[in-house]
């Protein structure tokens, strides 16, 4: 019988859950350990609590350093942390890496760290065989803010589910950068799409800080690979709750409507860095949305946490199960 080969993307949840159970730790200093939907780990060192995060960048080649710094910082912010220090591993393809190219990557890495108030403290770089694209892996360390640890498992029935900005920012920008010649866009529109990683940006550290300062936050999660739908499933699974989501309330960025259909990509399942899922007590929802708006960040109340299991999507007034994506929808573009 042929071996059951897994598709590109995250490991299936049931398989990963099995592995994580086998790796369970009883170390009392591990405050937040590995788990489905957990954005980062929190470890106690004496009186200090530090937040640890590692994440790779595997799809992007253009401005890979900016992606790396931002997505790792996002997950620390989702835990209520403040990103501080970074170690980076760069794996660069044999036969395609030049001195100027390597210098450009490190120049952008320095700029990204400076822009996010992060200190680069080490890592590893090599030119390696067997890959066609550069791969970057970040390991970031942060401290816990005065708001304490925020867990993706903290959502409770009745909580409002908020979403900052819109979807899918990262996927739209990445497609515009990697497949510019296939999109049929005019130069101005193409540049706008490519610039989405900076404006409105794929970072959510400010979104998270504003929500925490406003109050009432019970859980936060950064939807990345697998898109908003996967992020919602991960958060609901971590919290042991269900969710009702209204499709018409989910903001879809305008440029996505011009780019995603070229590859038949469902925006609910495409790379969604740049948006932040925030669960909060319902009486705080409007205040958080108002605080975001005052800071120039759009946002929406897209649903409610429920006590029943399962995630329901309301589409045109009809109930349907929220779709699940075994692989990120953006892989459709890379498989053409």
C-alpha atoms as a PDB file:
ATOM      1  CA  UNK A   1       0.000   0.000   0.000  1.00  0.00           C
ATOM      2  CA  UNK A   2       1.344   3.438  -0.912  1.00  0.00           C
ATOM      3  CA  UNK A   3       2.526   5.598   1.957  1.00  0.00           C
ATOM      4  CA  UNK A   4       0.044   8.278   3.043  1.00  0.00           C
ATOM      5  CA  UNK A   5       1.979  11.412   2.112  1.00  0.00           C
ATOM      6  CA  UNK A   6       1.029  14.650   3.794  1.00  0.00           C
ATOM      7  CA  UNK A   7       0.275  17.820   1.781  1.00  0.00           C
ATOM      8  CA  UNK A   8       2.229  21.075   1.929  1.00  0.00           C
ATOM      9  CA  UNK A   9       1.435  23.183   4.990  1.00  0.00           C
ATOM     10  CA  UNK A  10       0.822  22.647   8.663  1.00  0.00           C
ATOM     11  CA  UNK A  11       0.591  19.122  10.025  1.00  0.00           C
ATOM     12  CA  UNK A  12      -3.016  17.892  10.322  1.00  0.00           C
ATOM     13  CA  UNK A  13      -4.410  18.926  13.699  1.00  0.00           C
ATOM     14  CA  UNK A  14      -5.168  15.360  14.816  1.00  0.00           C
ATOM     15  CA  UNK A  15      -1.603  14.257  14.043  1.00  0.00           C
ATOM     16  CA  UNK A  16       0.004  17.273  15.699  1.00  0.00           C
ATOM     17  CA  UNK A  17      -2.215  16.819  18.768  1.00  0.00           C
ATOM     18  CA  UNK A  18      -0.932  13.266  19.102  1.00  0.00           C
ATOM     19  CA  UNK A  19       2.688  14.403  18.906  1.00  0.00           C
ATOM     20  CA  UNK A  20       2.135  17.182  21.448  1.00  0.00           C
ATOM     21  CA  UNK A  21       0.584  14.777  23.945  1.00  0.00           C
ATOM     22  CA  UNK A  22       3.730  12.679  23.732  1.00  0.00           C
ATOM     23  CA  UNK A  23       5.824  15.786  24.429  1.00  0.00           C
ATOM     24  CA  UNK A  24       3.824  17.012  27.433  1.00  0.00           C
ATOM     25  CA  UNK A  25       6.012  18.426  30.200  1.00  0.00           C
ATOM     26  CA  UNK A  26       5.522  18.653  33.963  1.00  0.00           C
ATOM     27  CA  UNK A  27       8.201  21.326  34.401  1.00  0.00           C
ATOM     28  CA  UNK A  28       6.578  23.915  36.729  1.00  0.00           C
ATOM     29  CA  UNK A  29       8.487  26.754  35.054  1.00  0.00           C
ATOM     30  CA  UNK A  30       6.730  26.124  31.734  1.00  0.00           C
ATOM     31  CA  UNK A  31       3.779  28.465  32.131  1.00  0.00           C
ATOM     32  CA  UNK A  32       2.539  28.095  28.546  1.00  0.00           C
ATOM     33  CA  UNK A  33       3.826  25.090  26.641  1.00  0.00           C
ATOM     34  CA  UNK A  34       3.084  23.598  23.240  1.00  0.00           C
ATOM     35  CA  UNK A  35      -0.533  23.327  22.160  1.00  0.00           C
ATOM     36  CA  UNK A  36      -2.855  23.741  19.198  1.00  0.00           C
ATOM     37  CA  UNK A  37      -3.506  27.434  18.639  1.00  0.00           C
ATOM     38  CA  UNK A  38      -0.840  28.590  21.107  1.00  0.00           C
ATOM     39  CA  UNK A  39       1.047  31.491  19.561  1.00  0.00           C
ATOM     40  CA  UNK A  40       4.161  31.250  21.738  1.00  0.00           C
ATOM     41  CA  UNK A  41       5.658  29.650  24.848  1.00  0.00           C
ATOM     42  CA  UNK A  42       6.061  31.361  28.219  1.00  0.00           C
ATOM     43  CA  UNK A  43       8.818  30.244  30.597  1.00  0.00           C
ATOM     44  CA  UNK A  44       9.530  31.387  34.157  1.00  0.00           C
ATOM     45  CA  UNK A  45      13.115  32.331  35.028  1.00  0.00           C
ATOM     46  CA  UNK A  46      13.128  33.210  38.717  1.00  0.00           C
ATOM     47  CA  UNK A  47      10.868  36.248  39.034  1.00  0.00           C
ATOM     48  CA  UNK A  48      10.956  36.940  35.298  1.00  0.00           C
ATOM     49  CA  UNK A  49       8.632  35.522  32.629  1.00  0.00           C
ATOM     50  CA  UNK A  50       9.907  35.359  29.053  1.00  0.00           C
ATOM     51  CA  UNK A  51       7.969  34.682  25.850  1.00  0.00           C
ATOM     52  CA  UNK A  52       9.573  32.489  23.159  1.00  0.00           C
ATOM     53  CA  UNK A  53       8.537  32.166  19.537  1.00  0.00           C
ATOM     54  CA  UNK A  54       9.910  30.473  16.433  1.00  0.00           C
ATOM     55  CA  UNK A  55       8.439  30.757  12.954  1.00  0.00           C
ATOM     56  CA  UNK A  56       9.758  30.227   9.417  1.00  0.00           C
ATOM     57  CA  UNK A  57       9.180  32.132   6.193  1.00  0.00           C
ATOM     58  CA  UNK A  58       8.917  29.656   3.320  1.00  0.00           C
ATOM     59  CA  UNK A  59       6.712  31.231   0.634  1.00  0.00           C
ATOM     60  CA  UNK A  60       8.105  34.759   0.364  1.00  0.00           C
ATOM     61  CA  UNK A  61      11.392  35.568  -1.347  1.00  0.00           C
ATOM     62  CA  UNK A  62      11.009  39.321  -1.804  1.00  0.00           C
ATOM     63  CA  UNK A  63      11.753  41.160   1.468  1.00  0.00           C
ATOM     64  CA  UNK A  64      11.884  37.898   3.384  1.00  0.00           C
ATOM     65  CA  UNK A  65      13.585  39.629   6.330  1.00  0.00           C
ATOM     66  CA  UNK A  66      10.629  41.964   6.874  1.00  0.00           C
ATOM     67  CA  UNK A  67       8.215  39.029   6.896  1.00  0.00           C
ATOM     68  CA  UNK A  68      10.428  37.135   9.340  1.00  0.00           C
ATOM     69  CA  UNK A  69      10.689  39.883  11.943  1.00  0.00           C
ATOM     70  CA  UNK A  70       7.041  40.859  11.710  1.00  0.00           C
ATOM     71  CA  UNK A  71       5.381  37.436  11.938  1.00  0.00           C
ATOM     72  CA  UNK A  72       7.489  36.401  14.940  1.00  0.00           C
ATOM     73  CA  UNK A  73       6.798  39.696  16.710  1.00  0.00           C
ATOM     74  CA  UNK A  74       3.083  39.259  16.011  1.00  0.00           C
ATOM     75  CA  UNK A  75       2.864  35.993  17.925  1.00  0.00           C
ATOM     76  CA  UNK A  76       4.680  37.393  20.948  1.00  0.00           C
ATOM     77  CA  UNK A  77       2.290  40.356  20.969  1.00  0.00           C
ATOM     78  CA  UNK A  78      -0.682  37.957  20.836  1.00  0.00           C
ATOM     79  CA  UNK A  79       0.487  36.491  24.152  1.00  0.00           C
ATOM     80  CA  UNK A  80       0.521  39.946  25.735  1.00  0.00           C
ATOM     81  CA  UNK A  81       4.285  40.118  25.280  1.00  0.00           C
ATOM     82  CA  UNK A  82       6.758  42.753  24.130  1.00  0.00           C
ATOM     83  CA  UNK A  83       9.165  41.539  21.384  1.00  0.00           C
ATOM     84  CA  UNK A  84      12.803  42.152  22.352  1.00  0.00           C
ATOM     85  CA  UNK A  85      15.488  39.863  20.872  1.00  0.00           C
ATOM     86  CA  UNK A  86      15.874  37.826  17.680  1.00  0.00           C
ATOM     87  CA  UNK A  87      18.018  34.970  16.397  1.00  0.00           C
ATOM     88  CA  UNK A  88      17.780  34.133  12.690  1.00  0.00           C
ATOM     89  CA  UNK A  89      18.680  31.152  10.529  1.00  0.00           C
ATOM     90  CA  UNK A  90      18.955  31.907   6.814  1.00  0.00           C
ATOM     91  CA  UNK A  91      19.152  28.995   4.366  1.00  0.00           C
ATOM     92  CA  UNK A  92      20.074  30.369   0.951  1.00  0.00           C
ATOM     93  CA  UNK A  93      19.904  28.346  -2.289  1.00  0.00           C
ATOM     94  CA  UNK A  94      23.044  27.027  -3.903  1.00  0.00           C
ATOM     95  CA  UNK A  95      23.785  28.545  -7.307  1.00  0.00           C
ATOM     96  CA  UNK A  96      21.390  31.469  -6.887  1.00  0.00           C
ATOM     97  CA  UNK A  97      22.893  33.454  -4.007  1.00  0.00           C
ATOM     98  CA  UNK A  98      25.176  36.425  -4.699  1.00  0.00           C
ATOM     99  CA  UNK A  99      27.168  38.682  -2.399  1.00  0.00           C
ATOM    100  CA  UNK A 100      24.900  41.593  -3.239  1.00  0.00           C
ATOM    101  CA  UNK A 101      21.807  39.455  -2.601  1.00  0.00           C
ATOM    102  CA  UNK A 102      23.063  38.308   0.796  1.00  0.00           C
ATOM    103  CA  UNK A 103      23.974  41.892   1.706  1.00  0.00           C
ATOM    104  CA  UNK A 104      20.485  43.084   0.749  1.00  0.00           C
ATOM    105  CA  UNK A 105      18.859  40.471   2.997  1.00  0.00           C
ATOM    106  CA  UNK A 106      20.906  41.541   6.010  1.00  0.00           C
ATOM    107  CA  UNK A 107      20.332  45.230   5.320  1.00  0.00           C
ATOM    108  CA  UNK A 108      16.583  44.679   5.346  1.00  0.00           C
ATOM    109  CA  UNK A 109      16.885  42.519   8.462  1.00  0.00           C
ATOM    110  CA  UNK A 110      18.571  45.409  10.262  1.00  0.00           C
ATOM    111  CA  UNK A 111      15.883  47.847   9.083  1.00  0.00           C
ATOM    112  CA  UNK A 112      13.054  45.517  10.159  1.00  0.00           C
ATOM    113  CA  UNK A 113      14.581  44.997  13.609  1.00  0.00           C
ATOM    114  CA  UNK A 114      15.102  48.742  14.086  1.00  0.00           C
ATOM    115  CA  UNK A 115      11.534  49.530  12.999  1.00  0.00           C
ATOM    116  CA  UNK A 116      10.142  47.041  15.539  1.00  0.00           C
ATOM    117  CA  UNK A 117      12.485  47.895  18.430  1.00  0.00           C
ATOM    118  CA  UNK A 118      14.098  44.452  18.290  1.00  0.00           C
ATOM    119  CA  UNK A 119      17.766  43.578  18.866  1.00  0.00           C
ATOM    120  CA  UNK A 120      19.381  40.959  16.627  1.00  0.00           C
ATOM    121  CA  UNK A 121      21.510  38.783  18.913  1.00  0.00           C
ATOM    122  CA  UNK A 122      22.662  35.886  16.744  1.00  0.00           C
ATOM    123  CA  UNK A 123      21.753  33.032  14.442  1.00  0.00           C
ATOM    124  CA  UNK A 124      23.174  31.058  11.539  1.00  0.00           C
ATOM    125  CA  UNK A 125      23.517  31.577   7.783  1.00  0.00           C
ATOM    126  CA  UNK A 126      24.482  29.102   5.081  1.00  0.00           C
ATOM    127  CA  UNK A 127      24.205  28.446   1.377  1.00  0.00           C
ATOM    128  CA  UNK A 128      22.723  24.986   1.111  1.00  0.00           C
ATOM    129  CA  UNK A 129      21.723  22.457  -1.516  1.00  0.00           C
ATOM    130  CA  UNK A 130      18.304  20.972  -2.163  1.00  0.00           C
ATOM    131  CA  UNK A 131      16.284  24.192  -2.030  1.00  0.00           C
ATOM    132  CA  UNK A 132      15.181  26.558  -4.792  1.00  0.00           C
ATOM    133  CA  UNK A 133      14.060  29.461  -2.604  1.00  0.00           C
ATOM    134  CA  UNK A 134      15.565  31.140   0.470  1.00  0.00           C
ATOM    135  CA  UNK A 135      14.178  29.966   3.803  1.00  0.00           C
ATOM    136  CA  UNK A 136      14.350  32.045   6.967  1.00  0.00           C
ATOM    137  CA  UNK A 137      13.619  30.816  10.492  1.00  0.00           C
ATOM    138  CA  UNK A 138      13.306  33.218  13.384  1.00  0.00           C
ATOM    139  CA  UNK A 139      13.570  32.614  17.108  1.00  0.00           C
ATOM    140  CA  UNK A 140      12.302  35.626  19.047  1.00  0.00           C
ATOM    141  CA  UNK A 141      12.287  36.391  22.762  1.00  0.00           C
ATOM    142  CA  UNK A 142      10.029  38.845  24.511  1.00  0.00           C
ATOM    143  CA  UNK A 143       8.997  39.947  27.966  1.00  0.00           C
ATOM    144  CA  UNK A 144       5.481  39.851  29.424  1.00  0.00           C
ATOM    145  CA  UNK A 145       3.798  43.250  29.515  1.00  0.00           C
ATOM    146  CA  UNK A 146       1.972  44.693  32.487  1.00  0.00           C
ATOM    147  CA  UNK A 147      -1.271  43.256  31.087  1.00  0.00           C
ATOM    148  CA  UNK A 148      -0.081  39.726  31.897  1.00  0.00           C
ATOM    149  CA  UNK A 149      -0.206  36.622  29.752  1.00  0.00           C
ATOM    150  CA  UNK A 150      -2.987  36.401  27.180  1.00  0.00           C
ATOM    151  CA  UNK A 151      -3.731  32.861  26.040  1.00  0.00           C
ATOM    152  CA  UNK A 152      -5.563  31.822  22.908  1.00  0.00           C
ATOM    153  CA  UNK A 153      -7.327  29.370  25.234  1.00  0.00           C
ATOM    154  CA  UNK A 154      -8.912  32.177  27.272  1.00  0.00           C
ATOM    155  CA  UNK A 155     -12.055  32.804  25.207  1.00  0.00           C
ATOM    156  CA  UNK A 156     -15.391  32.203  26.967  1.00  0.00           C
ATOM    157  CA  UNK A 157     -18.963  31.721  25.682  1.00  0.00           C
ATOM    158  CA  UNK A 158     -20.579  35.066  25.017  1.00  0.00           C
ATOM    159  CA  UNK A 159     -17.307  36.791  24.096  1.00  0.00           C
ATOM    160  CA  UNK A 160     -17.314  38.971  21.008  1.00  0.00           C
ATOM    161  CA  UNK A 161     -14.913  38.007  18.202  1.00  0.00           C
ATOM    162  CA  UNK A 162     -13.219  41.041  16.664  1.00  0.00           C
ATOM    163  CA  UNK A 163     -10.949  41.252  13.639  1.00  0.00           C
ATOM    164  CA  UNK A 164      -8.525  44.066  12.937  1.00  0.00           C
ATOM    165  CA  UNK A 165      -7.856  45.399   9.428  1.00  0.00           C
ATOM    166  CA  UNK A 166      -9.107  42.908   6.789  1.00  0.00           C
ATOM    167  CA  UNK A 167      -8.195  39.699   4.989  1.00  0.00           C
ATOM    168  CA  UNK A 168      -6.051  38.394   3.490  1.00  0.00           C
ATOM    169  CA  UNK A 169      -3.335  41.074   3.608  1.00  0.00           C
ATOM    170  CA  UNK A 170      -0.290  38.805   3.497  1.00  0.00           C
ATOM    171  CA  UNK A 171      -1.606  36.537   0.749  1.00  0.00           C
ATOM    172  CA  UNK A 172      -2.580  39.457  -1.473  1.00  0.00           C
ATOM    173  CA  UNK A 173       0.779  41.180  -1.057  1.00  0.00           C
ATOM    174  CA  UNK A 174       2.719  37.958  -1.556  1.00  0.00           C
ATOM    175  CA  UNK A 175       0.893  37.088  -4.764  1.00  0.00           C
ATOM    176  CA  UNK A 176       1.490  40.599  -6.093  1.00  0.00           C
ATOM    177  CA  UNK A 177       5.211  40.258  -5.354  1.00  0.00           C
ATOM    178  CA  UNK A 178       5.730  36.705  -6.583  1.00  0.00           C
ATOM    179  CA  UNK A 179       3.392  36.643  -9.614  1.00  0.00           C
ATOM    180  CA  UNK A 180       3.280  40.244 -10.825  1.00  0.00           C
ATOM    181  CA  UNK A 181       3.300  39.238 -14.489  1.00  0.00           C
ATOM    182  CA  UNK A 182       0.272  36.949 -14.184  1.00  0.00           C
ATOM    183  CA  UNK A 183      -2.176  39.362 -12.579  1.00  0.00           C
ATOM    184  CA  UNK A 184      -2.965  41.757 -15.419  1.00  0.00           C
ATOM    185  CA  UNK A 185      -2.843  44.773 -13.107  1.00  0.00           C
ATOM    186  CA  UNK A 186      -1.803  48.290 -14.036  1.00  0.00           C
ATOM    187  CA  UNK A 187       1.449  49.506 -12.490  1.00  0.00           C
ATOM    188  CA  UNK A 188      -0.181  51.692  -9.833  1.00  0.00           C
ATOM    189  CA  UNK A 189      -2.529  48.953  -8.603  1.00  0.00           C
ATOM    190  CA  UNK A 190       0.280  46.386  -8.605  1.00  0.00           C
ATOM    191  CA  UNK A 191       2.503  48.646  -6.481  1.00  0.00           C
ATOM    192  CA  UNK A 192      -0.354  49.227  -4.042  1.00  0.00           C
ATOM    193  CA  UNK A 193      -0.835  45.477  -3.678  1.00  0.00           C
ATOM    194  CA  UNK A 194       2.879  44.832  -3.219  1.00  0.00           C
ATOM    195  CA  UNK A 195       3.013  47.572  -0.598  1.00  0.00           C
ATOM    196  CA  UNK A 196       0.334  45.927   1.559  1.00  0.00           C
ATOM    197  CA  UNK A 197       3.026  44.341   3.754  1.00  0.00           C
ATOM    198  CA  UNK A 198       3.823  47.899   4.907  1.00  0.00           C
ATOM    199  CA  UNK A 199       0.452  49.629   4.517  1.00  0.00           C
ATOM    200  CA  UNK A 200      -1.717  48.621   6.293  1.00  0.00           C
ATOM    201  CA  UNK A 201       1.091  46.174   7.116  1.00  0.00           C
ATOM    202  CA  UNK A 202       1.369  42.570   8.236  1.00  0.00           C
ATOM    203  CA  UNK A 203       2.246  43.523  11.810  1.00  0.00           C
ATOM    204  CA  UNK A 204      -0.315  43.363  14.625  1.00  0.00           C
ATOM    205  CA  UNK A 205       1.746  44.451  17.635  1.00  0.00           C
ATOM    206  CA  UNK A 206       0.037  47.842  17.712  1.00  0.00           C
ATOM    207  CA  UNK A 207      -3.413  46.282  17.225  1.00  0.00           C
ATOM    208  CA  UNK A 208      -2.757  43.998  20.206  1.00  0.00           C
ATOM    209  CA  UNK A 209      -1.395  46.755  22.449  1.00  0.00           C
ATOM    210  CA  UNK A 210      -4.396  49.008  21.792  1.00  0.00           C
ATOM    211  CA  UNK A 211      -6.856  46.198  22.513  1.00  0.00           C
ATOM    212  CA  UNK A 212      -5.097  45.305  25.764  1.00  0.00           C
ATOM    213  CA  UNK A 213      -4.968  48.918  26.912  1.00  0.00           C
ATOM    214  CA  UNK A 214      -8.697  49.282  26.220  1.00  0.00           C
ATOM    215  CA  UNK A 215      -9.498  46.241  28.359  1.00  0.00           C
ATOM    216  CA  UNK A 216     -11.780  43.218  28.376  1.00  0.00           C
ATOM    217  CA  UNK A 217      -9.533  41.018  26.203  1.00  0.00           C
ATOM    218  CA  UNK A 218      -9.822  37.293  26.952  1.00  0.00           C
ATOM    219  CA  UNK A 219      -7.875  35.798  24.028  1.00  0.00           C
ATOM    220  CA  UNK A 220      -5.939  36.850  20.941  1.00  0.00           C
ATOM    221  CA  UNK A 221      -4.648  34.928  17.946  1.00  0.00           C
ATOM    222  CA  UNK A 222      -2.670  35.789  14.837  1.00  0.00           C
ATOM    223  CA  UNK A 223      -4.185  34.046  11.780  1.00  0.00           C
ATOM    224  CA  UNK A 224      -1.330  33.102   9.458  1.00  0.00           C
ATOM    225  CA  UNK A 225      -1.013  29.920   7.408  1.00  0.00           C
ATOM    226  CA  UNK A 226      -4.424  28.499   6.591  1.00  0.00           C
ATOM    227  CA  UNK A 227      -5.967  31.949   6.793  1.00  0.00           C
ATOM    228  CA  UNK A 228      -8.654  33.395   9.019  1.00  0.00           C
ATOM    229  CA  UNK A 229     -10.690  30.172   9.021  1.00  0.00           C
ATOM    230  CA  UNK A 230      -7.778  28.137  10.374  1.00  0.00           C
ATOM    231  CA  UNK A 231      -7.016  30.822  12.947  1.00  0.00           C
ATOM    232  CA  UNK A 232     -10.615  30.728  14.178  1.00  0.00           C
ATOM    233  CA  UNK A 233     -10.548  26.924  14.402  1.00  0.00           C
ATOM    234  CA  UNK A 234      -7.277  27.048  16.345  1.00  0.00           C
ATOM    235  CA  UNK A 235      -8.589  29.626  18.796  1.00  0.00           C
ATOM    236  CA  UNK A 236     -11.896  27.829  19.332  1.00  0.00           C
ATOM    237  CA  UNK A 237     -10.086  24.509  19.771  1.00  0.00           C
ATOM    238  CA  UNK A 238      -7.671  25.977  22.305  1.00  0.00           C
ATOM    239  CA  UNK A 239     -10.578  27.466  24.273  1.00  0.00           C
ATOM    240  CA  UNK A 240     -12.784  24.366  24.036  1.00  0.00           C
ATOM    241  CA  UNK A 241     -15.621  26.467  22.634  1.00  0.00           C
ATOM    242  CA  UNK A 242     -17.608  26.913  19.471  1.00  0.00           C
ATOM    243  CA  UNK A 243     -18.100  30.015  17.379  1.00  0.00           C
ATOM    244  CA  UNK A 244     -20.641  31.753  15.176  1.00  0.00           C
ATOM    245  CA  UNK A 245     -19.137  33.918  12.436  1.00  0.00           C
ATOM    246  CA  UNK A 246     -20.919  36.223   9.968  1.00  0.00           C
ATOM    247  CA  UNK A 247     -19.320  36.290   6.516  1.00  0.00           C
ATOM    248  CA  UNK A 248     -20.775  39.684   5.639  1.00  0.00           C
ATOM    249  CA  UNK A 249     -19.025  41.210   8.668  1.00  0.00           C
ATOM    250  CA  UNK A 250     -15.548  39.977   7.669  1.00  0.00           C
ATOM    251  CA  UNK A 251     -13.676  42.833   5.931  1.00  0.00           C
ATOM    252  CA  UNK A 252     -12.169  41.738   2.602  1.00  0.00           C
ATOM    253  CA  UNK A 253      -9.479  44.119   1.392  1.00  0.00           C
ATOM    254  CA  UNK A 254     -10.337  45.629  -1.977  1.00  0.00           C
ATOM    255  CA  UNK A 255      -7.144  44.523  -3.741  1.00  0.00           C
ATOM    256  CA  UNK A 256      -7.836  40.894  -2.808  1.00  0.00           C
ATOM    257  CA  UNK A 257     -10.884  40.955  -5.073  1.00  0.00           C
ATOM    258  CA  UNK A 258      -8.606  41.810  -8.015  1.00  0.00           C
ATOM    259  CA  UNK A 259      -5.891  39.216  -7.288  1.00  0.00           C
ATOM    260  CA  UNK A 260      -7.265  36.125  -5.533  1.00  0.00           C
ATOM    261  CA  UNK A 261      -9.709  35.097  -8.314  1.00  0.00           C
ATOM    262  CA  UNK A 262      -6.764  34.720 -10.727  1.00  0.00           C
ATOM    263  CA  UNK A 263      -5.781  31.603  -8.767  1.00  0.00           C
ATOM    264  CA  UNK A 264      -9.291  30.654  -7.532  1.00  0.00           C
ATOM    265  CA  UNK A 265      -8.225  31.361  -3.946  1.00  0.00           C
ATOM    266  CA  UNK A 266     -10.785  31.471  -1.121  1.00  0.00           C
ATOM    267  CA  UNK A 267      -9.870  34.475   1.079  1.00  0.00           C
ATOM    268  CA  UNK A 268     -10.952  32.622   4.222  1.00  0.00           C
ATOM    269  CA  UNK A 269      -8.123  30.118   3.751  1.00  0.00           C
ATOM    270  CA  UNK A 270      -5.274  32.347   2.567  1.00  0.00           C
ATOM    271  CA  UNK A 271      -2.297  33.703   4.533  1.00  0.00           C
ATOM    272  CA  UNK A 272      -3.792  36.325   6.834  1.00  0.00           C
ATOM    273  CA  UNK A 273      -0.895  37.968   8.694  1.00  0.00           C
ATOM    274  CA  UNK A 274      -1.770  41.596   9.317  1.00  0.00           C
ATOM    275  CA  UNK A 275      -5.145  40.840  10.890  1.00  0.00           C
ATOM    276  CA  UNK A 276      -5.603  40.129  14.584  1.00  0.00           C
ATOM    277  CA  UNK A 277      -8.376  38.036  16.121  1.00  0.00           C
ATOM    278  CA  UNK A 278      -9.387  39.456  19.496  1.00  0.00           C
ATOM    279  CA  UNK A 279     -11.935  37.849  21.806  1.00  0.00           C
ATOM    280  CA  UNK A 280     -13.317  40.144  24.481  1.00  0.00           C
ATOM    281  CA  UNK A 281     -16.179  40.507  26.859  1.00  0.00           C
ATOM    282  CA  UNK A 282     -19.091  41.876  24.784  1.00  0.00           C
ATOM    283  CA  UNK A 283     -19.331  45.128  26.739  1.00  0.00           C
ATOM    284  CA  UNK A 284     -15.773  46.037  25.635  1.00  0.00           C
ATOM    285  CA  UNK A 285     -16.182  45.284  21.933  1.00  0.00           C
ATOM    286  CA  UNK A 286     -17.292  48.726  20.808  1.00  0.00           C
ATOM    287  CA  UNK A 287     -14.594  50.448  22.865  1.00  0.00           C
ATOM    288  CA  UNK A 288     -11.844  48.337  21.254  1.00  0.00           C
ATOM    289  CA  UNK A 289     -13.205  48.994  17.760  1.00  0.00           C
ATOM    290  CA  UNK A 290     -13.365  52.719  18.548  1.00  0.00           C
ATOM    291  CA  UNK A 291      -9.795  52.730  19.877  1.00  0.00           C
ATOM    292  CA  UNK A 292      -8.583  50.962  16.752  1.00  0.00           C
ATOM    293  CA  UNK A 293     -10.450  53.438  14.563  1.00  0.00           C
ATOM    294  CA  UNK A 294      -8.944  56.390  16.406  1.00  0.00           C
ATOM    295  CA  UNK A 295      -5.496  54.895  15.708  1.00  0.00           C
ATOM    296  CA  UNK A 296      -6.302  54.496  12.008  1.00  0.00           C
ATOM    297  CA  UNK A 297      -6.902  50.732  12.241  1.00  0.00           C
ATOM    298  CA  UNK A 298     -10.177  49.470  10.825  1.00  0.00           C
ATOM    299  CA  UNK A 299     -11.877  46.592  12.583  1.00  0.00           C
ATOM    300  CA  UNK A 300     -15.092  44.618  12.765  1.00  0.00           C
ATOM    301  CA  UNK A 301     -17.143  42.497  15.123  1.00  0.00           C
ATOM    302  CA  UNK A 302     -17.356  39.258  13.132  1.00  0.00           C
ATOM    303  CA  UNK A 303     -18.954  36.815  15.553  1.00  0.00           C
ATOM    304  CA  UNK A 304     -19.507  35.316  18.975  1.00  0.00           C
ATOM    305  CA  UNK A 305     -17.949  32.547  21.060  1.00  0.00           C
ATOM    306  CA  UNK A 306     -20.501  29.836  21.879  1.00  0.00           C
ATOM    307  CA  UNK A 307     -20.697  27.020  24.401  1.00  0.00           C
ATOM    308  CA  UNK A 308     -21.595  24.445  21.755  1.00  0.00           C
ATOM    309  CA  UNK A 309     -18.891  22.674  19.788  1.00  0.00           C
ATOM    310  CA  UNK A 310     -18.397  23.512  16.128  1.00  0.00           C
ATOM    311  CA  UNK A 311     -17.876  26.662  14.098  1.00  0.00           C
ATOM    312  CA  UNK A 312     -20.825  28.027  12.176  1.00  0.00           C
ATOM    313  CA  UNK A 313     -20.563  30.470   9.286  1.00  0.00           C
ATOM    314  CA  UNK A 314     -23.592  32.576   8.415  1.00  0.00           C
ATOM    315  CA  UNK A 315     -23.541  33.200   4.666  1.00  0.00           C
ATOM    316  CA  UNK A 316     -26.451  35.075   3.063  1.00  0.00           C
ATOM    317  CA  UNK A 317     -28.505  34.376   6.167  1.00  0.00           C
ATOM    318  CA  UNK A 318     -27.921  30.628   5.985  1.00  0.00           C
ATOM    319  CA  UNK A 319     -25.978  28.476   8.435  1.00  0.00           C
ATOM    320  CA  UNK A 320     -23.091  26.463   7.035  1.00  0.00           C
ATOM    321  CA  UNK A 321     -20.044  24.916   8.711  1.00  0.00           C
ATOM    322  CA  UNK A 322     -17.026  27.221   8.620  1.00  0.00           C
ATOM    323  CA  UNK A 323     -14.818  25.751   5.869  1.00  0.00           C
ATOM    324  CA  UNK A 324     -11.597  24.004   6.826  1.00  0.00           C
ATOM    325  CA  UNK A 325      -8.470  24.137   4.696  1.00  0.00           C
ATOM    326  CA  UNK A 326      -5.964  21.271   4.800  1.00  0.00           C
ATOM    327  CA  UNK A 327      -3.421  23.485   3.077  1.00  0.00           C
ATOM    328  CA  UNK A 328      -3.183  27.232   2.707  1.00  0.00           C
ATOM    329  CA  UNK A 329      -5.065  28.436  -0.362  1.00  0.00           C
ATOM    330  CA  UNK A 330      -1.977  30.292  -1.587  1.00  0.00           C
ATOM    331  CA  UNK A 331      -0.370  26.963  -2.500  1.00  0.00           C
ATOM    332  CA  UNK A 332      -2.686  26.953  -5.523  1.00  0.00           C
ATOM    333  CA  UNK A 333      -0.590  29.739  -7.039  1.00  0.00           C
ATOM    334  CA  UNK A 334       2.692  27.941  -6.412  1.00  0.00           C
ATOM    335  CA  UNK A 335       1.431  24.667  -7.892  1.00  0.00           C
ATOM    336  CA  UNK A 336       0.406  26.150 -11.253  1.00  0.00           C
END
